[in-house]
Amino acid sequence: NCYLFTPKGSRPLNQLLTSEEILAIVEEILPETLREK
């Protein structure tokens, strides 16, 4: 589950993401200077 944390606490969002989905998010924002790392 994805989690959102607020000043009132945390809550699961009932959304499961695969490794591929998370990788796609990371790859769209990853700075060029970190791509090789």
All heavy atoms as atom14 arrays in JSON, in Angstrom:
{
  "sequence": "NCYLFTPKGSRPLNQLLTSEEILAIVEEILPETLREK",
  "atom14_mask": [
    [1, 1, 1, 1, 1, 1, 1, 1, 0, 0, 0, 0, 0, 0],
    [1, 1, 1, 1, 1, 1, 0, 0, 0, 0, 0, 0, 0, 0],
    [1, 1, 1, 1, 1, 1, 1, 1, 1, 1, 1, 1, 0, 0],
    [1, 1, 1, 1, 1, 1, 1, 1, 0, 0, 0, 0, 0, 0],
    [1, 1, 1, 1, 1, 1, 1, 1, 1, 1, 1, 0, 0, 0],
    [1, 1, 1, 1, 1, 1, 1, 0, 0, 0, 0, 0, 0, 0],
    [1, 1, 1, 1, 1, 1, 1, 0, 0, 0, 0, 0, 0, 0],
    [1, 1, 1, 1, 1, 1, 1, 1, 1, 0, 0, 0, 0, 0],
    [1, 1, 1, 1, 0, 0, 0, 0, 0, 0, 0, 0, 0, 0],
    [1, 1, 1, 1, 1, 1, 0, 0, 0, 0, 0, 0, 0, 0],
    [1, 1, 1, 1, 1, 1, 1, 1, 1, 1, 1, 0, 0, 0],
    [1, 1, 1, 1, 1, 1, 1, 0, 0, 0, 0, 0, 0, 0],
    [1, 1, 1, 1, 1, 1, 1, 1, 0, 0, 0, 0, 0, 0],
    [1, 1, 1, 1, 1, 1, 1, 1, 0, 0, 0, 0, 0, 0],
    [1, 1, 1, 1, 1, 1, 1, 1, 1, 0, 0, 0, 0, 0],
    [1, 1, 1, 1, 1, 1, 1, 1, 0, 0, 0, 0, 0, 0],
    [1, 1, 1, 1, 1, 1, 1, 1, 0, 0, 0, 0, 0, 0],
    [1, 1, 1, 1, 1, 1, 1, 0, 0, 0, 0, 0, 0, 0],
    [1, 1, 1, 1, 1, 1, 0, 0, 0, 0, 0, 0, 0, 0],
    [1, 1, 1, 1, 1, 1, 1, 1, 1, 0, 0, 0, 0, 0],
    [1, 1, 1, 1, 1, 1, 1, 1, 1, 0, 0, 0, 0, 0],
    [1, 1, 1, 1, 1, 1, 1, 1, 0, 0, 0, 0, 0, 0],
    [1, 1, 1, 1, 1, 1, 1, 1, 0, 0, 0, 0, 0, 0],
    [1, 1, 1, 1, 1, 0, 0, 0, 0, 0, 0, 0, 0, 0],
    [1, 1, 1, 1, 1, 1, 1, 1, 0, 0, 0, 0, 0, 0],
    [1, 1, 1, 1, 1, 1, 1, 0, 0, 0, 0, 0, 0, 0],
    [1, 1, 1, 1, 1, 1, 1, 1, 1, 0, 0, 0, 0, 0],
    [1, 1, 1, 1, 1, 1, 1, 1, 1, 0, 0, 0, 0, 0],
    [1, 1, 1, 1, 1, 1, 1, 1, 0, 0, 0, 0, 0, 0],
    [1, 1, 1, 1, 1, 1, 1, 1, 0, 0, 0, 0, 0, 0],
    [1, 1, 1, 1, 1, 1, 1, 0, 0, 0, 0, 0, 0, 0],
    [1, 1, 1, 1, 1, 1, 1, 1, 1, 0, 0, 0, 0, 0],
    [1, 1, 1, 1, 1, 1, 1, 0, 0, 0, 0, 0, 0, 0],
    [1, 1, 1, 1, 1, 1, 1, 1, 0, 0, 0, 0, 0, 0],
    [1, 1, 1, 1, 1, 1, 1, 1, 1, 1, 1, 0, 0, 0],
    [1, 1, 1, 1, 1, 1, 1, 1, 1, 0, 0, 0, 0, 0],
    [1, 1, 1, 1, 1, 1, 1, 1, 1, 0, 0, 0, 0, 0]
  ],
  "atom14_positions": [
    [[0.83, -1.21, 0.0], [0.0, 0.0, 0.0], [0.86, 1.25, 0.0], [1.88, 1.31, 0.69], [-0.88, 0.06, 1.25], [-2.23, -0.56, 1.03], [-2.79, -0.49, -0.05], [-2.77, -1.16, 2.08], [0.0, 0.0, 0.0], [0.0, 0.0, 0.0], [0.0, 0.0, 0.0], [0.0, 0.0, 0.0], [0.0, 0.0, 0.0], [0.0, 0.0, 0.0]],
    [[0.44, 2.24, -0.75], [1.03, 3.57, -0.64], [0.48, 4.21, 0.64], [-0.65, 3.91, 1.05], [0.64, 4.43, -1.84], [1.33, 3.87, -3.39], [0.0, 0.0, 0.0], [0.0, 0.0, 0.0], [0.0, 0.0, 0.0], [0.0, 0.0, 0.0], [0.0, 0.0, 0.0], [0.0, 0.0, 0.0], [0.0, 0.0, 0.0], [0.0, 0.0, 0.0]],
    [[1.28, 5.07, 1.27], [0.85, 5.74, 2.5], [1.0, 7.24, 2.36], [1.98, 7.71, 1.79], [1.69, 5.28, 3.7], [1.23, 3.97, 4.28], [1.63, 2.77, 3.73], [0.37, 3.95, 5.37], [1.2, 1.56, 4.27], [-0.06, 2.75, 5.91], [0.36, 1.56, 5.36], [-0.09, 0.38, 5.88], [0.0, 0.0, 0.0], [0.0, 0.0, 0.0]],
    [[0.05, 7.95, 2.92], [0.12, 9.4, 3.04], [0.24, 9.72, 4.52], [-0.53, 9.22, 5.34], [-1.13, 10.07, 2.46], [-1.17, 11.58, 2.61], [-0.1, 12.23, 1.73], [-2.54, 12.13, 2.27], [0.0, 0.0, 0.0], [0.0, 0.0, 0.0], [0.0, 0.0, 0.0], [0.0, 0.0, 0.0], [0.0, 0.0, 0.0], [0.0, 0.0, 0.0]],
    [[1.19, 10.57, 4.84], [1.39, 11.02, 6.21], [0.99, 12.49, 6.3], [1.37, 13.29, 5.45], [2.85, 10.85, 6.62], [3.32, 9.42, 6.64], [3.65, 8.77, 5.46], [3.43, 8.74, 7.83], [4.08, 7.46, 5.47], [3.85, 7.42, 7.86], [4.18, 6.78, 6.66], [0.0, 0.0, 0.0], [0.0, 0.0, 0.0], [0.0, 0.0, 0.0]],
    [[0.22, 12.81, 7.32], [-0.21, 14.18, 7.57], [0.08, 14.49, 9.04], [0.44, 13.59, 9.81], [-1.72, 14.37, 7.3], [-2.46, 13.65, 8.29], [-2.11, 13.92, 5.9], [0.0, 0.0, 0.0], [0.0, 0.0, 0.0], [0.0, 0.0, 0.0], [0.0, 0.0, 0.0], [0.0, 0.0, 0.0], [0.0, 0.0, 0.0], [0.0, 0.0, 0.0]],
    [[-0.09, 15.73, 9.46], [0.09, 16.03, 10.89], [-0.84, 15.22, 11.79], [-0.56, 15.04, 12.97], [-0.22, 17.53, 10.98], [0.12, 18.06, 9.62], [-0.29, 16.96, 8.68], [0.0, 0.0, 0.0], [0.0, 0.0, 0.0], [0.0, 0.0, 0.0], [0.0, 0.0, 0.0], [0.0, 0.0, 0.0], [0.0, 0.0, 0.0], [0.0, 0.0, 0.0]],
    [[-1.92, 14.69, 11.24], [-2.88, 13.9, 12.03], [-2.52, 12.42, 12.07], [-3.17, 11.65, 12.75], [-4.29, 14.07, 11.47], [-4.8, 15.48, 11.58], [-6.18, 15.59, 10.98], [-6.67, 17.03, 11.03], [-7.97, 17.19, 10.42], [0.0, 0.0, 0.0], [0.0, 0.0, 0.0], [0.0, 0.0, 0.0], [0.0, 0.0, 0.0], [0.0, 0.0, 0.0]],
    [[-1.52, 12.0, 11.31], [-1.12, 10.6, 11.31], [-0.97, 10.07, 9.89], [-0.95, 10.83, 8.92], [0.0, 0.0, 0.0], [0.0, 0.0, 0.0], [0.0, 0.0, 0.0], [0.0, 0.0, 0.0], [0.0, 0.0, 0.0], [0.0, 0.0, 0.0], [0.0, 0.0, 0.0], [0.0, 0.0, 0.0], [0.0, 0.0, 0.0], [0.0, 0.0, 0.0]],
    [[-0.89, 8.75, 9.77], [-0.71, 8.14, 8.45], [-1.93, 7.32, 8.08], [-2.69, 6.89, 8.94], [0.53, 7.25, 8.45], [0.35, 6.14, 9.31], [0.0, 0.0, 0.0], [0.0, 0.0, 0.0], [0.0, 0.0, 0.0], [0.0, 0.0, 0.0], [0.0, 0.0, 0.0], [0.0, 0.0, 0.0], [0.0, 0.0, 0.0], [0.0, 0.0, 0.0]],
    [[-2.08, 7.13, 6.76], [-3.18, 6.3, 6.32], [-2.8, 5.6, 5.02], [-2.16, 6.19, 4.13], [-4.46, 7.09, 6.15], [-4.41, 8.14, 5.08], [-5.74, 8.88, 5.01], [-5.58, 10.06, 4.19], [-6.29, 10.33, 3.11], [-7.25, 9.51, 2.75], [-6.08, 11.41, 2.41], [0.0, 0.0, 0.0], [0.0, 0.0, 0.0], [0.0, 0.0, 0.0]],
    [[-3.19, 4.32, 4.92], [-2.95, 3.61, 3.67], [-3.91, 4.11, 2.6], [-5.04, 4.5, 2.9], [-3.23, 2.15, 4.02], [-4.17, 2.21, 5.17], [-3.83, 3.48, 5.91], [0.0, 0.0, 0.0], [0.0, 0.0, 0.0], [0.0, 0.0, 0.0], [0.0, 0.0, 0.0], [0.0, 0.0, 0.0], [0.0, 0.0, 0.0], [0.0, 0.0, 0.0]],
    [[-3.46, 4.12, 1.36], [-4.28, 4.64, 0.27], [-4.93, 3.55, -0.56], [-5.58, 3.83, -1.56], [-3.43, 5.55, -0.63], [-2.81, 6.73, 0.09], [-1.92, 7.52, -0.84], [-3.88, 7.63, 0.69], [0.0, 0.0, 0.0], [0.0, 0.0, 0.0], [0.0, 0.0, 0.0], [0.0, 0.0, 0.0], [0.0, 0.0, 0.0], [0.0, 0.0, 0.0]],
    [[-4.76, 2.3, -0.16], [-5.33, 1.16, -0.88], [-4.95, 1.19, -2.36], [-5.77, 0.96, -3.23], [-6.85, 1.09, -0.7], [-7.22, 0.85, 0.74], [-6.56, 0.1, 1.44], [-8.27, 1.51, 1.19], [0.0, 0.0, 0.0], [0.0, 0.0, 0.0], [0.0, 0.0, 0.0], [0.0, 0.0, 0.0], [0.0, 0.0, 0.0], [0.0, 0.0, 0.0]],
    [[-3.7, 1.54, -2.62], [-3.16, 1.55, -3.97], [-1.84, 0.82, -3.95], [-0.9, 1.21, -3.26], [-2.96, 2.97, -4.47], [-2.2, 3.0, -5.77], [-2.76, 3.99, -6.75], [-3.6, 4.8, -6.41], [-2.3, 3.92, -7.97], [0.0, 0.0, 0.0], [0.0, 0.0, 0.0], [0.0, 0.0, 0.0], [0.0, 0.0, 0.0], [0.0, 0.0, 0.0]],
    [[-1.79, -0.29, -4.68], [-0.56, -1.05, -4.8], [0.11, -0.69, -6.12], [-0.55, -0.64, -7.15], [-0.84, -2.56, -4.78], [-1.58, -3.1, -3.57], [-1.86, -4.58, -3.75], [-0.78, -2.88, -2.31], [0.0, 0.0, 0.0], [0.0, 0.0, 0.0], [0.0, 0.0, 0.0], [0.0, 0.0, 0.0], [0.0, 0.0, 0.0], [0.0, 0.0, 0.0]],
    [[1.4, -0.44, -6.08], [2.15, -0.14, -7.3], [3.19, -1.24, -7.51], [3.8, -1.71, -6.55], [2.84, 1.21, -7.2], [1.94, 2.43, -7.06], [2.78, 3.69, -6.86], [1.06, 2.59, -8.29], [0.0, 0.0, 0.0], [0.0, 0.0, 0.0], [0.0, 0.0, 0.0], [0.0, 0.0, 0.0], [0.0, 0.0, 0.0], [0.0, 0.0, 0.0]],
    [[3.42, -1.59, -8.75], [4.46, -2.57, -9.07], [5.81, -1.86, -9.12], [5.88, -0.63, -9.18], [4.19, -3.23, -10.43], [4.29, -2.22, -11.45], [2.82, -3.89, -10.48], [0.0, 0.0, 0.0], [0.0, 0.0, 0.0], [0.0, 0.0, 0.0], [0.0, 0.0, 0.0], [0.0, 0.0, 0.0], [0.0, 0.0, 0.0], [0.0, 0.0, 0.0]],
    [[6.87, -2.64, -9.16], [8.2, -2.07, -9.31], [8.3, -1.24, -10.58], [8.88, -0.15, -10.58], [9.27, -3.18, -9.36], [9.34, -3.85, -8.15], [0.0, 0.0, 0.0], [0.0, 0.0, 0.0], [0.0, 0.0, 0.0], [0.0, 0.0, 0.0], [0.0, 0.0, 0.0], [0.0, 0.0, 0.0], [0.0, 0.0, 0.0], [0.0, 0.0, 0.0]],
    [[7.7, -1.74, -11.65], [7.76, -1.03, -12.93], [7.05, 0.32, -12.87], [7.53, 1.31, -13.43], [7.14, -1.9, -14.04], [7.95, -3.14, -14.38], [7.77, -4.28, -13.37], [6.77, -4.31, -12.61], [8.67, -5.15, -13.33], [0.0, 0.0, 0.0], [0.0, 0.0, 0.0], [0.0, 0.0, 0.0], [0.0, 0.0, 0.0], [0.0, 0.0, 0.0]],
    [[5.92, 0.38, -12.17], [5.19, 1.65, -12.04], [5.99, 2.66, -11.22], [6.05, 3.85, -11.56], [3.83, 1.41, -11.4], [2.87, 0.66, -12.3], [1.6, 0.22, -11.6], [1.69, -0.34, -10.47], [0.53, 0.42, -12.17], [0.0, 0.0, 0.0], [0.0, 0.0, 0.0], [0.0, 0.0, 0.0], [0.0, 0.0, 0.0], [0.0, 0.0, 0.0]],
    [[6.62, 2.2, -10.15], [7.43, 3.09, -9.32], [8.67, 3.54, -10.09], [9.05, 4.71, -10.05], [7.79, 2.43, -7.98], [6.51, 2.17, -7.16], [8.77, 3.29, -7.19], [6.72, 1.36, -5.9], [0.0, 0.0, 0.0], [0.0, 0.0, 0.0], [0.0, 0.0, 0.0], [0.0, 0.0, 0.0], [0.0, 0.0, 0.0], [0.0, 0.0, 0.0]],
    [[9.3, 2.62, -10.8], [10.46, 2.98, -11.62], [10.11, 4.05, -12.65], [10.9, 4.96, -12.9], [11.02, 1.74, -12.33], [11.86, 0.81, -11.47], [12.14, -0.49, -12.22], [13.13, 1.47, -11.02], [0.0, 0.0, 0.0], [0.0, 0.0, 0.0], [0.0, 0.0, 0.0], [0.0, 0.0, 0.0], [0.0, 0.0, 0.0], [0.0, 0.0, 0.0]],
    [[8.93, 3.95, -13.24], [8.5, 4.95, -14.23], [8.39, 6.33, -13.59], [8.77, 7.34, -14.21], [7.17, 4.54, -14.85], [0.0, 0.0, 0.0], [0.0, 0.0, 0.0], [0.0, 0.0, 0.0], [0.0, 0.0, 0.0], [0.0, 0.0, 0.0], [0.0, 0.0, 0.0], [0.0, 0.0, 0.0], [0.0, 0.0, 0.0], [0.0, 0.0, 0.0]],
    [[7.89, 6.39, -12.36], [7.8, 7.67, -11.65], [9.19, 8.22, -11.37], [9.47, 9.39, -11.62], [7.0, 7.51, -10.33], [5.54, 7.17, -10.65], [7.09, 8.78, -9.48], [4.74, 6.7, -9.45], [0.0, 0.0, 0.0], [0.0, 0.0, 0.0], [0.0, 0.0, 0.0], [0.0, 0.0, 0.0], [0.0, 0.0, 0.0], [0.0, 0.0, 0.0]],
    [[10.08, 7.36, -10.89], [11.44, 7.8, -10.58], [12.16, 8.28, -11.84], [12.79, 9.33, -11.85], [12.25, 6.68, -9.9], [13.72, 7.06, -9.76], [11.66, 6.35, -8.54], [0.0, 0.0, 0.0], [0.0, 0.0, 0.0], [0.0, 0.0, 0.0], [0.0, 0.0, 0.0], [0.0, 0.0, 0.0], [0.0, 0.0, 0.0], [0.0, 0.0, 0.0]],
    [[12.04, 7.53, -12.91], [12.76, 7.87, -14.14], [12.29, 9.2, -14.74], [13.06, 9.88, -15.39], [12.66, 6.74, -15.14], [13.52, 5.56, -14.69], [13.4, 4.34, -15.57], [12.64, 4.35, -16.55], [14.09, 3.36, -15.26], [0.0, 0.0, 0.0], [0.0, 0.0, 0.0], [0.0, 0.0, 0.0], [0.0, 0.0, 0.0], [0.0, 0.0, 0.0]],
    [[11.04, 9.58, -14.5], [10.58, 10.86, -15.06], [11.09, 12.06, -14.27], [11.09, 13.17, -14.79], [9.05, 10.9, -15.2], [8.27, 11.1, -13.94], [6.76, 11.14, -14.15], [6.28, 10.73, -15.21], [6.08, 11.57, -13.22], [0.0, 0.0, 0.0], [0.0, 0.0, 0.0], [0.0, 0.0, 0.0], [0.0, 0.0, 0.0], [0.0, 0.0, 0.0]],
    [[11.56, 11.86, -13.04], [12.03, 12.99, -12.23], [13.51, 12.91, -11.86], [14.06, 13.87, -11.33], [11.2, 13.14, -10.94], [11.33, 11.9, -10.05], [9.75, 13.45, -11.28], [10.76, 12.05, -8.66], [0.0, 0.0, 0.0], [0.0, 0.0, 0.0], [0.0, 0.0, 0.0], [0.0, 0.0, 0.0], [0.0, 0.0, 0.0], [0.0, 0.0, 0.0]],
    [[14.16, 11.79, -12.12], [15.55, 11.59, -11.71], [16.47, 12.6, -12.42], [16.48, 12.68, -13.64], [15.98, 10.17, -12.05], [17.31, 9.7, -11.48], [17.26, 9.67, -9.95], [17.65, 8.32, -12.02], [0.0, 0.0, 0.0], [0.0, 0.0, 0.0], [0.0, 0.0, 0.0], [0.0, 0.0, 0.0], [0.0, 0.0, 0.0], [0.0, 0.0, 0.0]],
    [[17.24, 13.36, -11.65], [18.17, 14.31, -12.28], [19.22, 13.58, -13.12], [19.65, 12.48, -12.78], [18.84, 15.0, -11.08], [17.93, 14.76, -9.91], [17.26, 13.45, -10.19], [0.0, 0.0, 0.0], [0.0, 0.0, 0.0], [0.0, 0.0, 0.0], [0.0, 0.0, 0.0], [0.0, 0.0, 0.0], [0.0, 0.0, 0.0], [0.0, 0.0, 0.0]],
    [[19.63, 14.23, -14.2], [20.64, 13.65, -15.1], [21.9, 13.25, -14.35], [22.51, 12.24, -14.65], [21.01, 14.64, -16.2], [20.07, 14.65, -17.37], [19.97, 13.32, -18.1], [21.0, 12.64, -18.33], [18.84, 12.95, -18.44], [0.0, 0.0, 0.0], [0.0, 0.0, 0.0], [0.0, 0.0, 0.0], [0.0, 0.0, 0.0], [0.0, 0.0, 0.0]],
    [[22.29, 14.06, -13.37], [23.53, 13.8, -12.63], [23.47, 12.52, -11.81], [24.52, 12.0, -11.41], [23.85, 14.97, -11.69], [22.73, 15.18, -10.8], [24.13, 16.24, -12.46], [0.0, 0.0, 0.0], [0.0, 0.0, 0.0], [0.0, 0.0, 0.0], [0.0, 0.0, 0.0], [0.0, 0.0, 0.0], [0.0, 0.0, 0.0], [0.0, 0.0, 0.0]],
    [[22.27, 11.98, -11.56], [22.14, 10.76, -10.76], [21.83, 9.52, -11.6], [21.81, 8.42, -11.08], [21.05, 10.94, -9.7], [21.36, 11.94, -8.6], [20.19, 12.06, -7.64], [22.62, 11.55, -7.84], [0.0, 0.0, 0.0], [0.0, 0.0, 0.0], [0.0, 0.0, 0.0], [0.0, 0.0, 0.0], [0.0, 0.0, 0.0], [0.0, 0.0, 0.0]],
    [[21.6, 9.68, -12.86], [21.2, 8.54, -13.7], [22.21, 7.4, -13.68], [21.83, 6.25, -13.6], [20.92, 8.99, -15.13], [19.67, 9.86, -15.19], [18.99, 9.83, -16.54], [17.81, 10.66, -16.49], [16.59, 10.24, -16.15], [16.41, 8.98, -15.85], [15.57, 11.07, -16.12], [0.0, 0.0, 0.0], [0.0, 0.0, 0.0], [0.0, 0.0, 0.0]],
    [[23.49, 7.71, -13.72], [24.49, 6.64, -13.72], [24.61, 5.96, -12.35], [25.08, 4.84, -12.25], [25.85, 7.16, -14.18], [26.49, 8.13, -13.21], [27.8, 8.68, -13.72], [27.91, 8.93, -14.93], [28.71, 8.86, -12.9], [0.0, 0.0, 0.0], [0.0, 0.0, 0.0], [0.0, 0.0, 0.0], [0.0, 0.0, 0.0], [0.0, 0.0, 0.0]],
    [[24.17, 6.62, -11.31], [24.22, 6.03, -9.97], [22.95, 5.25, -9.62], [22.89, 4.58, -8.6], [24.45, 7.13, -8.93], [25.78, 7.84, -9.13], [26.03, 8.82, -8.02], [27.26, 9.64, -8.14], [28.41, 9.15, -8.78], [0.0, 0.0, 0.0], [0.0, 0.0, 0.0], [0.0, 0.0, 0.0], [0.0, 0.0, 0.0], [0.0, 0.0, 0.0]]
  ]
}
